[in-house]
Amino acid sequence: MKPSKGQERSIMKVSIALDPSIDEPEILIRAPQLTEEIAQL
């Protein structure tokens, strides 16, 4: 995704934990606030 004019590109950490004991996938997003970029995820 290219940043639009006047918008800075942010850096995100991504962690993936594989757990064969769970039955369904889970996605957890931790952030200090909901930004447009995070909302798009």
Protein backbone atom coordinates (compact mmCIF):
# COMPACT_ATOMS: atom_id res chain seq x y z
CA MET A 1 0.00 0.00 0.00
CA LYS A 2 1.47 3.32 -1.05
CA PRO A 3 1.05 6.22 1.36
CA SER A 4 -1.04 9.02 -0.08
CA LYS A 5 0.38 12.52 -0.39
CA GLY A 6 0.96 14.01 3.07
CA GLN A 7 0.60 10.63 4.78
CA GLU A 8 3.55 8.91 6.43
CA ARG A 9 4.01 5.17 6.27
CA SER A 10 4.00 3.54 9.70
CA ILE A 11 5.83 0.43 10.83
CA MET A 12 3.96 -2.46 12.45
CA LYS A 13 5.28 -5.47 14.30
CA VAL A 14 3.74 -8.76 13.20
CA SER A 15 3.83 -11.84 15.40
CA ILE A 16 2.60 -15.28 14.38
CA ALA A 17 2.17 -18.05 16.95
CA LEU A 18 1.34 -21.55 15.75
CA ASP A 19 -0.67 -23.60 18.26
CA PRO A 20 -1.77 -27.06 17.09
CA SER A 21 -4.01 -27.43 20.17
CA ILE A 22 -6.56 -24.81 19.03
CA ASP A 23 -9.57 -25.63 16.86
CA GLU A 24 -9.92 -22.38 14.93
CA PRO A 25 -7.63 -19.48 13.95
CA GLU A 26 -7.59 -16.34 16.05
CA ILE A 27 -6.38 -12.87 15.07
CA LEU A 28 -5.50 -10.40 17.81
CA ILE A 29 -4.64 -6.78 17.06
CA ARG A 30 -3.06 -4.68 19.82
CA ALA A 31 -2.79 -0.95 19.28
CA PRO A 32 -2.88 2.22 21.36
CA GLN A 33 -5.79 3.50 19.25
CA LEU A 34 -7.83 2.55 16.21
CA THR A 35 -6.29 4.19 13.16
CA GLU A 36 -7.55 4.06 9.58
CA GLU A 37 -4.67 1.74 8.69
CA ILE A 38 -5.54 -0.71 11.48
CA ALA A 39 -9.24 -0.53 10.65
CA GLN A 40 -8.42 -1.65 7.10
CA LEU A 41 -6.78 -4.81 8.44
